PDB file of N, CA and C in Angstrom:
ATOM      1  N   MET A   1     -61.852   3.931 -25.309  1.00  0.00           N
ATOM      2  CA  MET A   1     -60.414   4.093 -25.362  1.00  0.00           C
ATOM      3  C   MET A   1     -59.824   3.707 -24.008  1.00  0.00           C
ATOM      4  N   MET A   2     -58.785   2.906 -24.028  1.00  0.00           N
ATOM      5  CA  MET A   2     -58.086   2.526 -22.796  1.00  0.00           C
ATOM      6  C   MET A   2     -57.431   3.757 -22.178  1.00  0.00           C
ATOM      7  N   ILE A   3     -57.320   3.708 -20.855  1.00  0.00           N
ATOM      8  CA  ILE A   3     -56.580   4.760 -20.159  1.00  0.00           C
ATOM      9  C   ILE A   3     -55.549   4.124 -19.241  1.00  0.00           C
ATOM     10  N   ARG A   4     -54.593   4.926 -18.821  1.00  0.00           N
ATOM     11  CA  ARG A   4     -53.617   4.540 -17.799  1.00  0.00           C
ATOM     12  C   ARG A   4     -53.723   5.570 -16.679  1.00  0.00           C
ATOM     13  N   VAL A   5     -53.710   5.085 -15.460  1.00  0.00           N
ATOM     14  CA  VAL A   5     -53.732   5.969 -14.296  1.00  0.00           C
ATOM     15  C   VAL A   5     -52.410   5.777 -13.566  1.00  0.00           C
ATOM     16  N   ILE A   6     -51.708   6.887 -13.370  1.00  0.00           N
ATOM     17  CA  ILE A   6     -50.388   6.848 -12.747  1.00  0.00           C
ATOM     18  C   ILE A   6     -50.496   7.385 -11.324  1.00  0.00           C
ATOM     19  N   TYR A   7     -50.146   6.519 -10.388  1.00  0.00           N
ATOM     20  CA  TYR A   7     -50.106   6.877  -8.976  1.00  0.00           C
ATOM     21  C   TYR A   7     -48.643   6.999  -8.576  1.00  0.00           C
ATOM     22  N   ILE A   8     -48.285   8.082  -7.908  1.00  0.00           N
ATOM     23  CA  ILE A   8     -46.926   8.230  -7.385  1.00  0.00           C
ATOM     24  C   ILE A   8     -46.999   8.110  -5.870  1.00  0.00           C
ATOM     25  N   TRP A   9     -46.131   7.253  -5.329  1.00  0.00           N
ATOM     26  CA  TRP A   9     -46.095   6.952  -3.899  1.00  0.00           C
ATOM     27  C   TRP A   9     -44.725   7.273  -3.317  1.00  0.00           C
ATOM     28  N   HIS A  10     -44.707   7.634  -2.062  1.00  0.00           N
ATOM     29  CA  HIS A  10     -43.471   7.768  -1.286  1.00  0.00           C
ATOM     30  C   HIS A  10     -43.516   6.658  -0.241  1.00  0.00           C
ATOM     31  N   VAL A  11     -42.527   5.752  -0.290  1.00  0.00           N
ATOM     32  CA  VAL A  11     -42.505   4.609   0.619  1.00  0.00           C
ATOM     33  C   VAL A  11     -41.128   4.541   1.274  1.00  0.00           C
ATOM     34  N   GLU A  12     -41.118   4.502   2.590  1.00  0.00           N
ATOM     35  CA  GLU A  12     -39.861   4.399   3.334  1.00  0.00           C
ATOM     36  C   GLU A  12     -39.222   3.027   3.083  1.00  0.00           C
ATOM     37  N   PRO A  13     -37.881   2.969   3.053  1.00  0.00           N
ATOM     38  CA  PRO A  13     -37.180   1.718   2.720  1.00  0.00           C
ATOM     39  C   PRO A  13     -37.583   0.518   3.580  1.00  0.00           C
ATOM     40  N   GLU A  14     -37.818   0.729   4.863  1.00  0.00           N
ATOM     41  CA  GLU A  14     -38.175  -0.398   5.737  1.00  0.00           C
ATOM     42  C   GLU A  14     -39.582  -0.942   5.456  1.00  0.00           C
ATOM     43  N   LYS A  15     -40.369  -0.232   4.664  1.00  0.00           N
ATOM     44  CA  LYS A  15     -41.731  -0.678   4.351  1.00  0.00           C
ATOM     45  C   LYS A  15     -41.891  -1.152   2.909  1.00  0.00           C
ATOM     46  N   ILE A  16     -40.832  -1.052   2.112  1.00  0.00           N
ATOM     47  CA  ILE A  16     -40.965  -1.311   0.677  1.00  0.00           C
ATOM     48  C   ILE A  16     -41.385  -2.744   0.356  1.00  0.00           C
ATOM     49  N   GLU A  17     -40.795  -3.734   1.006  1.00  0.00           N
ATOM     50  CA  GLU A  17     -41.143  -5.125   0.678  1.00  0.00           C
ATOM     51  C   GLU A  17     -42.605  -5.419   0.992  1.00  0.00           C
ATOM     52  N   LEU A  18     -43.078  -4.952   2.135  1.00  0.00           N
ATOM     53  CA  LEU A  18     -44.486  -5.148   2.489  1.00  0.00           C
ATOM     54  C   LEU A  18     -45.388  -4.353   1.552  1.00  0.00           C
ATOM     55  N   PHE A  19     -44.960  -3.158   1.147  1.00  0.00           N
ATOM     56  CA  PHE A  19     -45.732  -2.356   0.191  1.00  0.00           C
ATOM     57  C   PHE A  19     -45.882  -3.121  -1.126  1.00  0.00           C
ATOM     58  N   ILE A  20     -44.799  -3.708  -1.615  1.00  0.00           N
ATOM     59  CA  ILE A  20     -44.842  -4.458  -2.874  1.00  0.00           C
ATOM     60  C   ILE A  20     -45.806  -5.636  -2.763  1.00  0.00           C
ATOM     61  N   GLU A  21     -45.714  -6.398  -1.691  1.00  0.00           N
ATOM     62  CA  GLU A  21     -46.614  -7.541  -1.504  1.00  0.00           C
ATOM     63  C   GLU A  21     -48.071  -7.098  -1.394  1.00  0.00           C
ATOM     64  N   THR A  22     -48.289  -6.000  -0.686  1.00  0.00           N
ATOM     65  CA  THR A  22     -49.645  -5.465  -0.528  1.00  0.00           C
ATOM     66  C   THR A  22     -50.176  -4.976  -1.870  1.00  0.00           C
ATOM     67  N   TRP A  23     -49.332  -4.300  -2.639  1.00  0.00           N
ATOM     68  CA  TRP A  23     -49.733  -3.838  -3.972  1.00  0.00           C
ATOM     69  C   TRP A  23     -50.120  -5.016  -4.863  1.00  0.00           C
ATOM     70  N   LYS A  24     -49.331  -6.087  -4.837  1.00  0.00           N
ATOM     71  CA  LYS A  24     -49.650  -7.262  -5.662  1.00  0.00           C
ATOM     72  C   LYS A  24     -51.050  -7.790  -5.346  1.00  0.00           C
ATOM     73  N   ALA A  25     -51.331  -7.955  -4.061  1.00  0.00           N
ATOM     74  CA  ALA A  25     -52.650  -8.471  -3.659  1.00  0.00           C
ATOM     75  C   ALA A  25     -53.755  -7.483  -4.034  1.00  0.00           C
ATOM     76  N   THR A  26     -53.501  -6.210  -3.813  1.00  0.00           N
ATOM     77  CA  THR A  26     -54.503  -5.183  -4.093  1.00  0.00           C
ATOM     78  C   THR A  26     -54.806  -5.093  -5.573  1.00  0.00           C
ATOM     79  N   THR A  27     -53.777  -5.030  -6.410  1.00  0.00           N
ATOM     80  CA  THR A  27     -54.014  -4.878  -7.844  1.00  0.00           C
ATOM     81  C   THR A  27     -54.708  -6.117  -8.407  1.00  0.00           C
ATOM     82  N   ASN A  28     -54.367  -7.289  -7.900  1.00  0.00           N
ATOM     83  CA  ASN A  28     -55.036  -8.505  -8.369  1.00  0.00           C
ATOM     84  C   ASN A  28     -56.500  -8.536  -7.939  1.00  0.00           C
ATOM     85  N   GLU A  29     -56.791  -8.090  -6.724  1.00  0.00           N
ATOM     86  CA  GLU A  29     -58.176  -8.031  -6.251  1.00  0.00           C
ATOM     87  C   GLU A  29     -58.996  -7.057  -7.095  1.00  0.00           C
ATOM     88  N   ILE A  30     -58.446  -5.880  -7.343  1.00  0.00           N
ATOM     89  CA  ILE A  30     -59.160  -4.892  -8.150  1.00  0.00           C
ATOM     90  C   ILE A  30     -59.375  -5.429  -9.562  1.00  0.00           C
ATOM     91  N   HIS A  31     -58.352  -6.021 -10.146  1.00  0.00           N
ATOM     92  CA  HIS A  31     -58.461  -6.567 -11.506  1.00  0.00           C
ATOM     93  C   HIS A  31     -59.556  -7.621 -11.598  1.00  0.00           C
ATOM     94  N   LYS A  32     -59.668  -8.469 -10.588  1.00  0.00           N
ATOM     95  CA  LYS A  32     -60.673  -9.537 -10.592  1.00  0.00           C
ATOM     96  C   LYS A  32     -62.085  -9.036 -10.318  1.00  0.00           C
ATOM     97  N   ASN A  33     -62.218  -8.001  -9.496  1.00  0.00           N
ATOM     98  CA  ASN A  33     -63.532  -7.645  -8.962  1.00  0.00           C
ATOM     99  C   ASN A  33     -64.101  -6.304  -9.386  1.00  0.00           C
ATOM    100  N   VAL A  34     -63.345  -5.489 -10.097  1.00  0.00           N
ATOM    101  CA  VAL A  34     -63.830  -4.156 -10.450  1.00  0.00           C
ATOM    102  C   VAL A  34     -63.955  -4.045 -11.971  1.00  0.00           C
ATOM    103  N   ARG A  35     -65.134  -3.650 -12.399  1.00  0.00           N
ATOM    104  CA  ARG A  35     -65.414  -3.519 -13.836  1.00  0.00           C
ATOM    105  C   ARG A  35     -64.427  -2.556 -14.492  1.00  0.00           C
ATOM    106  N   GLY A  36     -63.841  -2.995 -15.591  1.00  0.00           N
ATOM    107  CA  GLY A  36     -62.960  -2.154 -16.391  1.00  0.00           C
ATOM    108  C   GLY A  36     -61.508  -2.158 -15.977  1.00  0.00           C
ATOM    109  N   ALA A  37     -61.194  -2.727 -14.818  1.00  0.00           N
ATOM    110  CA  ALA A  37     -59.804  -2.747 -14.343  1.00  0.00           C
ATOM    111  C   ALA A  37     -59.027  -3.815 -15.093  1.00  0.00           C
ATOM    112  N   ARG A  38     -57.873  -3.454 -15.628  1.00  0.00           N
ATOM    113  CA  ARG A  38     -57.053  -4.368 -16.420  1.00  0.00           C
ATOM    114  C   ARG A  38     -55.738  -4.736 -15.755  1.00  0.00           C
ATOM    115  N   GLY A  39     -55.546  -4.320 -14.512  1.00  0.00           N
ATOM    116  CA  GLY A  39     -54.296  -4.626 -13.828  1.00  0.00           C
ATOM    117  C   GLY A  39     -53.356  -3.441 -13.866  1.00  0.00           C
ATOM    118  N   SER A  40     -52.176  -3.632 -13.300  1.00  0.00           N
ATOM    119  CA  SER A  40     -51.210  -2.534 -13.264  1.00  0.00           C
ATOM    120  C   SER A  40     -49.790  -3.069 -13.148  1.00  0.00           C
ATOM    121  N   PHE A  41     -48.831  -2.171 -13.272  1.00  0.00           N
ATOM    122  CA  PHE A  41     -47.442  -2.525 -13.037  1.00  0.00           C
ATOM    123  C   PHE A  41     -46.817  -1.477 -12.136  1.00  0.00           C
ATOM    124  N   MET A  42     -45.665  -1.833 -11.572  1.00  0.00           N
ATOM    125  CA  MET A  42     -45.001  -0.977 -10.592  1.00  0.00           C
ATOM    126  C   MET A  42     -43.588  -0.665 -11.056  1.00  0.00           C
ATOM    127  N   LEU A  43     -43.175   0.573 -10.800  1.00  0.00           N
ATOM    128  CA  LEU A  43     -41.816   1.026 -11.102  1.00  0.00           C
ATOM    129  C   LEU A  43     -41.230   1.688  -9.863  1.00  0.00           C
ATOM    130  N   ARG A  44     -39.921   1.524  -9.668  1.00  0.00           N
ATOM    131  CA  ARG A  44     -39.233   2.236  -8.585  1.00  0.00           C
ATOM    132  C   ARG A  44     -38.165   3.118  -9.206  1.00  0.00           C
ATOM    133  N   ASN A  45     -38.122   4.365  -8.750  1.00  0.00           N
ATOM    134  CA  ASN A  45     -37.163   5.342  -9.238  1.00  0.00           C
ATOM    135  C   ASN A  45     -35.737   4.888  -8.884  1.00  0.00           C
ATOM    136  N   ILE A  46     -34.873   4.817  -9.867  1.00  0.00           N
ATOM    137  CA  ILE A  46     -33.489   4.379  -9.654  1.00  0.00           C
ATOM    138  C   ILE A  46     -32.714   5.382  -8.809  1.00  0.00           C
ATOM    139  N   GLN A  47     -32.975   6.666  -8.994  1.00  0.00           N
ATOM    140  CA  GLN A  47     -32.233   7.701  -8.273  1.00  0.00           C
ATOM    141  C   GLN A  47     -32.850   8.061  -6.929  1.00  0.00           C
ATOM    142  N   ASN A  48     -34.111   7.684  -6.709  1.00  0.00           N
ATOM    143  CA  ASN A  48     -34.790   7.946  -5.447  1.00  0.00           C
ATOM    144  C   ASN A  48     -35.626   6.720  -5.109  1.00  0.00           C
ATOM    145  N   SER A  49     -35.051   5.771  -4.404  1.00  0.00           N
ATOM    146  CA  SER A  49     -35.705   4.478  -4.169  1.00  0.00           C
ATOM    147  C   SER A  49     -36.968   4.579  -3.312  1.00  0.00           C
ATOM    148  N   LYS A  50     -37.244   5.739  -2.739  1.00  0.00           N
ATOM    149  CA  LYS A  50     -38.480   5.930  -1.977  1.00  0.00           C
ATOM    150  C   LYS A  50     -39.664   6.251  -2.887  1.00  0.00           C
ATOM    151  N   GLU A  51     -39.379   6.595  -4.152  1.00  0.00           N
ATOM    152  CA  GLU A  51     -40.450   6.942  -5.086  1.00  0.00           C
ATOM    153  C   GLU A  51     -40.879   5.714  -5.890  1.00  0.00           C
ATOM    154  N   ILE A  52     -42.154   5.394  -5.780  1.00  0.00           N
ATOM    155  CA  ILE A  52     -42.747   4.262  -6.489  1.00  0.00           C
ATOM    156  C   ILE A  52     -43.855   4.799  -7.386  1.00  0.00           C
ATOM    157  N   LYS A  53     -43.929   4.270  -8.607  1.00  0.00           N
ATOM    158  CA  LYS A  53     -45.061   4.578  -9.479  1.00  0.00           C
ATOM    159  C   LYS A  53     -45.804   3.286  -9.750  1.00  0.00           C
ATOM    160  N   THR A  54     -47.112   3.338  -9.608  1.00  0.00           N
ATOM    161  CA  THR A  54     -47.952   2.226 -10.018  1.00  0.00           C
ATOM    162  C   THR A  54     -48.808   2.745 -11.162  1.00  0.00           C
ATOM    163  N   ILE A  55     -48.846   1.991 -12.242  1.00  0.00           N
ATOM    164  CA  ILE A  55     -49.532   2.440 -13.450  1.00  0.00           C
ATOM    165  C   ILE A  55     -50.595   1.406 -13.799  1.00  0.00           C
ATOM    166  N   ALA A  56     -51.844   1.826 -13.625  1.00  0.00           N
ATOM    167  CA  ALA A  56     -52.989   0.936 -13.839  1.00  0.00           C
ATOM    168  C   ALA A  56     -53.581   1.167 -15.226  1.00  0.00           C
ATOM    169  N   ARG A  57     -54.099   0.093 -15.791  1.00  0.00           N
ATOM    170  CA  ARG A  57     -54.765   0.174 -17.093  1.00  0.00           C
ATOM    171  C   ARG A  57     -56.257  -0.092 -16.883  1.00  0.00           C
ATOM    172  N   TRP A  58     -57.066   0.764 -17.497  1.00  0.00           N
ATOM    173  CA  TRP A  58     -58.519   0.673 -17.381  1.00  0.00           C
ATOM    174  C   TRP A  58     -59.147   0.698 -18.772  1.00  0.00           C
ATOM    175  N   ASP A  59     -60.309   0.051 -18.904  1.00  0.00           N
ATOM    176  CA  ASP A  59     -61.025   0.051 -20.181  1.00  0.00           C
ATOM    177  C   ASP A  59     -61.425   1.454 -20.603  1.00  0.00           C
ATOM    178  N   SER A  60     -61.790   2.288 -19.625  1.00  0.00           N
ATOM    179  CA  SER A  60     -62.233   3.650 -19.952  1.00  0.00           C
ATOM    180  C   SER A  60     -62.064   4.556 -18.741  1.00  0.00           C
ATOM    181  N   PHE A  61     -62.061   5.858 -19.035  1.00  0.00           N
ATOM    182  CA  PHE A  61     -62.006   6.833 -17.951  1.00  0.00           C
ATOM    183  C   PHE A  61     -63.239   6.698 -17.075  1.00  0.00           C
ATOM    184  N   GLU A  62     -64.380   6.421 -17.674  1.00  0.00           N
ATOM    185  CA  GLU A  62     -65.627   6.287 -16.910  1.00  0.00           C
ATOM    186  C   GLU A  62     -65.550   5.114 -15.925  1.00  0.00           C
ATOM    187  N   ASP A  63     -64.999   3.976 -16.340  1.00  0.00           N
ATOM    188  CA  ASP A  63     -64.851   2.833 -15.417  1.00  0.00           C
ATOM    189  C   ASP A  63     -63.988   3.219 -14.220  1.00  0.00           C
ATOM    190  N   TRP A  64     -62.864   3.878 -14.491  1.00  0.00           N
ATOM    191  CA  TRP A  64     -61.997   4.293 -13.385  1.00  0.00           C
ATOM    192  C   TRP A  64     -62.695   5.329 -12.516  1.00  0.00           C
ATOM    193  N   ARG A  65     -63.401   6.272 -13.127  1.00  0.00           N
ATOM    194  CA  ARG A  65     -64.108   7.320 -12.388  1.00  0.00           C
ATOM    195  C   ARG A  65     -65.151   6.722 -11.451  1.00  0.00           C
ATOM    196  N   VAL A  66     -65.897   5.731 -11.917  1.00  0.00           N
ATOM    197  CA  VAL A  66     -66.881   5.056 -11.063  1.00  0.00           C
ATOM    198  C   VAL A  66     -66.179   4.406  -9.874  1.00  0.00           C
ATOM    199  N   PHE A  67     -65.083   3.703 -10.132  1.00  0.00           N
ATOM    200  CA  PHE A  67     -64.281   3.096  -9.072  1.00  0.00           C
ATOM    201  C   PHE A  67     -63.832   4.165  -8.075  1.00  0.00           C
ATOM    202  N   TRP A  68     -63.308   5.258  -8.576  1.00  0.00           N
ATOM    203  CA  TRP A  68     -62.749   6.319  -7.739  1.00  0.00           C
ATOM    204  C   TRP A  68     -63.832   7.019  -6.930  1.00  0.00           C
ATOM    205  N   LEU A  69     -64.931   7.387  -7.565  1.00  0.00           N
ATOM    206  CA  LEU A  69     -65.968   8.175  -6.898  1.00  0.00           C
ATOM    207  C   LEU A  69     -66.846   7.362  -5.952  1.00  0.00           C
ATOM    208  N   ASN A  70     -66.958   6.069  -6.199  1.00  0.00           N
ATOM    209  CA  ASN A  70     -67.802   5.228  -5.347  1.00  0.00           C
ATOM    210  C   ASN A  70     -67.082   4.719  -4.118  1.00  0.00           C
ATOM    211  N   LYS A  71     -65.968   5.321  -3.790  1.00  0.00           N
ATOM    212  CA  LYS A  71     -65.198   4.957  -2.604  1.00  0.00           C
ATOM    213  C   LYS A  71     -64.664   3.534  -2.682  1.00  0.00           C
ATOM    214  N   ASN A  72     -64.691   2.930  -3.864  1.00  0.00           N
ATOM    215  CA  ASN A  72     -64.114   1.593  -4.038  1.00  0.00           C
ATOM    216  C   ASN A  72     -62.611   1.626  -3.863  1.00  0.00           C
ATOM    217  N   ARG A  73     -62.037   2.805  -3.831  1.00  0.00           N
ATOM    218  CA  ARG A  73     -60.594   2.900  -3.640  1.00  0.00           C
ATOM    219  C   ARG A  73     -60.181   2.438  -2.255  1.00  0.00           C
ATOM    220  N   THR A  74     -61.162   2.120  -1.387  1.00  0.00           N
ATOM    221  CA  THR A  74     -60.813   1.563  -0.086  1.00  0.00           C
ATOM    222  C   THR A  74     -60.052   0.253  -0.257  1.00  0.00           C
ATOM    223  N   HIS A  75     -60.139  -0.337  -1.462  1.00  0.00           N
ATOM    224  CA  HIS A  75     -59.305  -1.504  -1.770  1.00  0.00           C
ATOM    225  C   HIS A  75     -57.840  -1.166  -1.519  1.00  0.00           C
ATOM    226  N   MET A  76     -57.498   0.106  -1.702  1.00  0.00           N
ATOM    227  CA  MET A  76     -56.107   0.542  -1.612  1.00  0.00           C
ATOM    228  C   MET A  76     -55.729   1.019  -0.215  1.00  0.00           C
ATOM    229  N   GLN A  77     -56.617   0.901   0.756  1.00  0.00           N
ATOM    230  CA  GLN A  77     -56.358   1.417   2.099  1.00  0.00           C
ATOM    231  C   GLN A  77     -55.080   0.850   2.708  1.00  0.00           C
ATOM    232  N   SER A  78     -54.834  -0.437   2.526  1.00  0.00           N
ATOM    233  CA  SER A  78     -53.634  -1.033   3.123  1.00  0.00           C
ATOM    234  C   SER A  78     -52.356  -0.463   2.499  1.00  0.00           C
ATOM    235  N   MET A  79     -52.421  -0.043   1.245  1.00  0.00           N
ATOM    236  CA  MET A  79     -51.266   0.603   0.632  1.00  0.00           C
ATOM    237  C   MET A  79     -51.035   1.978   1.261  1.00  0.00           C
ATOM    238  N   HIS A  80     -52.120   2.672   1.582  1.00  0.00           N
ATOM    239  CA  HIS A  80     -52.011   3.988   2.213  1.00  0.00           C
ATOM    240  C   HIS A  80     -51.396   3.889   3.611  1.00  0.00           C
ATOM    241  N   GLU A  81     -51.555   2.754   4.250  1.00  0.00           N
ATOM    242  CA  GLU A  81     -50.971   2.563   5.578  1.00  0.00           C
ATOM    243  C   GLU A  81     -49.452   2.368   5.510  1.00  0.00           C
ATOM    244  N   LEU A  82     -48.943   2.003   4.332  1.00  0.00           N
ATOM    245  CA  LEU A  82     -47.518   1.725   4.160  1.00  0.00           C
ATOM    246  C   LEU A  82     -46.762   2.818   3.412  1.00  0.00           C
ATOM    247  N   GLY A  83     -47.489   3.617   2.646  1.00  0.00           N
ATOM    248  CA  GLY A  83     -46.852   4.668   1.861  1.00  0.00           C
ATOM    249  C   GLY A  83     -47.759   5.867   1.737  1.00  0.00           C
ATOM    250  N   LYS A  84     -47.195   6.965   1.290  1.00  0.00           N
ATOM    251  CA  LYS A  84     -47.965   8.190   1.095  1.00  0.00           C
ATOM    252  C   LYS A  84     -48.170   8.395  -0.399  1.00  0.00           C
ATOM    253  N   ARG A  85     -49.434   8.465  -0.823  1.00  0.00           N
ATOM    254  CA  ARG A  85     -49.710   8.731  -2.233  1.00  0.00           C
ATOM    255  C   ARG A  85     -49.470  10.215  -2.489  1.00  0.00           C
ATOM    256  N   ILE A  86     -48.616  10.513  -3.450  1.00  0.00           N
ATOM    257  CA  ILE A  86     -48.244  11.885  -3.776  1.00  0.00           C
ATOM    258  C   ILE A  86     -49.169  12.467  -4.834  1.00  0.00           C
ATOM    259  N   SER A  87     -49.522  11.665  -5.843  1.00  0.00           N
ATOM    260  CA  SER A  87     -50.377  12.178  -6.915  1.00  0.00           C
ATOM    261  C   SER A  87     -51.074  11.045  -7.656  1.00  0.00           C
ATOM    262  N   VAL A  88     -52.129  11.425  -8.384  1.00  0.00           N
ATOM    263  CA  VAL A  88     -52.869  10.517  -9.254  1.00  0.00           C
ATOM    264  C   VAL A  88     -53.206  11.294 -10.523  1.00  0.00           C
ATOM    265  N   GLU A  89     -52.868  10.717 -11.682  1.00  0.00           N
ATOM    266  CA  GLU A  89     -53.181  11.352 -12.955  1.00  0.00           C
ATOM    267  C   GLU A  89     -53.650  10.301 -13.942  1.00  0.00           C
ATOM    268  N   ALA A  90     -54.650  10.643 -14.751  1.00  0.00           N
ATOM    269  CA  ALA A  90     -55.182   9.736 -15.764  1.00  0.00           C
ATOM    270  C   ALA A  90     -54.781  10.220 -17.155  1.00  0.00           C
ATOM    271  N   TYR A  91     -54.425   9.273 -18.019  1.00  0.00           N
ATOM    272  CA  TYR A  91     -53.996   9.568 -19.379  1.00  0.00           C
ATOM    273  C   TYR A  91     -54.707   8.642 -20.361  1.00  0.00           C
ATOM    274  N   ASP A  92     -55.087   9.181 -21.531  1.00  0.00           N
ATOM    275  CA  ASP A  92     -55.559   8.323 -22.615  1.00  0.00           C
ATOM    276  C   ASP A  92     -54.383   7.506 -23.117  1.00  0.00           C
ATOM    277  N   GLU A  93     -54.634   6.239 -23.385  1.00  0.00           N
ATOM    278  CA  GLU A  93     -53.592   5.393 -23.971  1.00  0.00           C
ATOM    279  C   GLU A  93     -53.688   5.531 -25.480  1.00  0.00           C
ATOM    280  N   ILE A  94     -52.726   6.190 -26.077  1.00  0.00           N
ATOM    281  CA  ILE A  94     -52.722   6.425 -27.508  1.00  0.00           C
ATOM    282  C   ILE A  94     -52.320   5.156 -28.260  1.00  0.00           C
ATOM    283  N   ASP A  95     -51.260   4.525 -27.802  1.00  0.00           N
ATOM    284  CA  ASP A  95     -50.768   3.301 -28.427  1.00  0.00           C
ATOM    285  C   ASP A  95     -49.801   2.630 -27.475  1.00  0.00           C
ATOM    286  N   ASP A  96     -49.511   1.361 -27.712  1.00  0.00           N
ATOM    287  CA  ASP A  96     -48.597   0.613 -26.852  1.00  0.00           C
ATOM    288  C   ASP A  96     -47.827  -0.363 -27.718  1.00  0.00           C
ATOM    289  N   TYR A  97     -46.542  -0.110 -27.874  1.00  0.00           N
ATOM    290  CA  TYR A  97     -45.693  -0.981 -28.678  1.00  0.00           C
ATOM    291  C   TYR A  97     -44.801  -1.876 -27.838  1.00  0.00           C
ATOM    292  N   THR A  98     -45.113  -1.985 -26.531  1.00  0.00           N
ATOM    293  CA  THR A  98     -44.313  -2.901 -25.714  1.00  0.00           C
ATOM    294  C   THR A  98     -44.669  -4.333 -26.065  1.00  0.00           C
ATOM    295  N   LYS A  99     -43.736  -5.215 -25.886  1.00  0.00           N
ATOM    296  CA  LYS A  99     -43.959  -6.628 -26.206  1.00  0.00           C
ATOM    297  C   LYS A  99     -43.912  -7.451 -24.940  1.00  0.00           C
TER     298      LYS A  99
END
């Protein structure tokens, strides 16, 4: 079963453009090189522009868990230098009707 992992970030306005560019490179690297990674998308809160959500799609919870526990998350180190990760939560993907 596919899962989605939601990361919430706090990013200061002067760092947002670099954070976005860094996220693009990071998510593409993970998608290409990490088993089970399907890529991700980014959202910015309309009412609080410092809040960013990145939502990654994975083939399984186990694939993401291996990535997370094996310290492979160092791929994301440059994002941590630009923003503060507030939370990480994993969800089963029940269905997706987006086009």
